[in-house]
Amino acid sequence: MAALVTVAAIAINIAFMVMFVKNFDAKKIPAEIDRRVRLDKMSAEDAKMYLGPRDMKFDVYKRQNKCTFWTVYVCTSVFNWKFNKVFYSFFYDHKTF
């Protein structure tokens, strides 16, 4: 029974992690390019060339601190989804983190 609860908890953590990556750490098309696609002035395939990070500061932090970034991802997936709050705490705005 304990093993079943552990597997369920890990499954919930991984599901939360997938949703986080899909929503927060995703790429987006700039507003001007998206407008061109909606007006049929550019194809959706051509617009994919302009994909960029949703949050520039977070993207810079992610590239500079890969070890911390992946540690938080692993802790979120394995232990508890609340480890992901480290990203929401905006520590990445400070040079010490």
Protein backbone atom coordinates (compact mmCIF):
# COMPACT_ATOMS: atom_id res chain seq x y z
CA MET A 1 0.00 0.00 0.00
CA ALA A 2 2.85 2.40 0.84
CA ALA A 3 4.47 1.70 -2.51
CA LEU A 4 1.21 2.53 -4.28
CA VAL A 5 0.94 5.86 -2.46
CA THR A 6 4.57 6.65 -3.30
CA VAL A 7 4.05 5.88 -6.99
CA ALA A 8 0.88 8.01 -7.03
CA ALA A 9 2.72 10.92 -5.39
CA ILE A 10 5.56 10.72 -7.91
CA ALA A 11 3.04 10.56 -10.77
CA ILE A 12 1.33 13.71 -9.48
CA ASN A 13 4.69 15.47 -9.15
CA ILE A 14 5.68 14.54 -12.70
CA ALA A 15 2.28 15.68 -14.04
CA PHE A 16 2.73 19.03 -12.32
CA MET A 17 6.24 19.27 -13.71
CA VAL A 18 5.01 18.64 -17.26
CA MET A 19 2.37 21.34 -16.89
CA PHE A 20 4.99 23.75 -15.55
CA VAL A 21 7.32 23.14 -18.48
CA LYS A 22 4.43 23.36 -20.93
CA ASN A 23 3.12 26.68 -19.57
CA PHE A 24 5.84 28.61 -17.76
CA ASP A 25 9.05 27.46 -19.39
CA ALA A 26 7.64 27.39 -22.91
CA LYS A 27 8.52 29.31 -26.04
CA LYS A 28 6.18 31.87 -27.58
CA ILE A 29 5.77 33.75 -30.81
CA PRO A 30 6.08 37.56 -30.50
CA ALA A 31 2.82 39.51 -30.72
CA GLU A 32 3.65 41.16 -34.07
CA ILE A 33 4.45 37.83 -35.73
CA ASP A 34 1.32 36.26 -34.21
CA ARG A 35 -0.74 39.10 -35.66
CA ARG A 36 0.74 38.46 -39.11
CA VAL A 37 -0.18 34.78 -38.87
CA ARG A 38 -3.76 35.61 -37.86
CA LEU A 39 -4.07 38.04 -40.80
CA ASP A 40 -2.71 35.35 -43.18
CA LYS A 41 0.32 37.46 -44.08
CA MET A 42 2.68 34.74 -42.84
CA SER A 43 2.38 31.00 -42.53
CA ALA A 44 2.48 29.28 -39.15
CA GLU A 45 5.56 27.31 -40.24
CA ASP A 46 7.45 30.52 -41.01
CA ALA A 47 6.38 32.01 -37.67
CA LYS A 48 8.06 29.14 -35.81
CA MET A 49 11.43 30.65 -36.76
CA TYR A 50 10.67 33.54 -34.39
CA LEU A 51 9.95 31.45 -31.30
CA GLY A 52 11.51 32.95 -28.20
CA PRO A 53 11.41 32.45 -24.45
CA ARG A 54 8.31 33.54 -22.58
CA ASP A 55 10.37 35.13 -19.79
CA MET A 56 13.75 36.57 -20.81
CA LYS A 57 15.13 36.90 -17.27
CA PHE A 58 14.26 33.31 -16.46
CA ASP A 59 15.84 32.14 -19.71
CA VAL A 60 19.09 33.94 -18.86
CA TYR A 61 19.04 32.44 -15.35
CA LYS A 62 18.38 28.98 -16.77
CA ARG A 63 21.36 29.18 -19.12
CA GLN A 64 23.75 30.56 -16.47
CA ASN A 65 22.74 28.22 -13.63
CA LYS A 66 22.07 24.87 -15.25
CA CYS A 67 22.92 22.86 -12.13
CA THR A 68 20.45 24.73 -9.93
CA PHE A 69 17.82 24.65 -12.64
CA TRP A 70 18.02 20.87 -13.11
CA THR A 71 18.25 20.26 -9.35
CA VAL A 72 14.95 22.06 -8.84
CA TYR A 73 13.39 20.09 -11.71
CA VAL A 74 14.53 16.77 -10.26
CA CYS A 75 13.42 17.67 -6.71
CA THR A 76 10.05 18.75 -8.10
CA SER A 77 9.61 15.50 -9.99
CA VAL A 78 10.74 13.14 -7.25
CA PHE A 79 10.03 14.73 -3.86
CA ASN A 80 7.32 17.36 -3.97
CA TRP A 81 5.85 19.69 -6.58
CA LYS A 82 6.31 22.60 -4.13
CA PHE A 83 10.03 22.69 -4.93
CA ASN A 84 8.92 24.47 -8.09
CA LYS A 85 8.12 27.53 -5.97
CA VAL A 86 11.84 28.30 -6.04
CA PHE A 87 11.27 29.50 -9.60
CA TYR A 88 8.31 31.65 -8.54
CA SER A 89 10.27 33.27 -5.71
CA PHE A 90 12.18 35.40 -8.24
CA PHE A 91 15.55 34.47 -6.78
CA TYR A 92 16.82 34.57 -10.33
CA ASP A 93 16.66 38.38 -10.23
CA HIS A 94 19.47 38.41 -7.67
CA LYS A 95 23.09 37.76 -8.62
CA THR A 96 23.72 35.62 -5.53
CA PHE A 97 21.28 32.99 -6.78
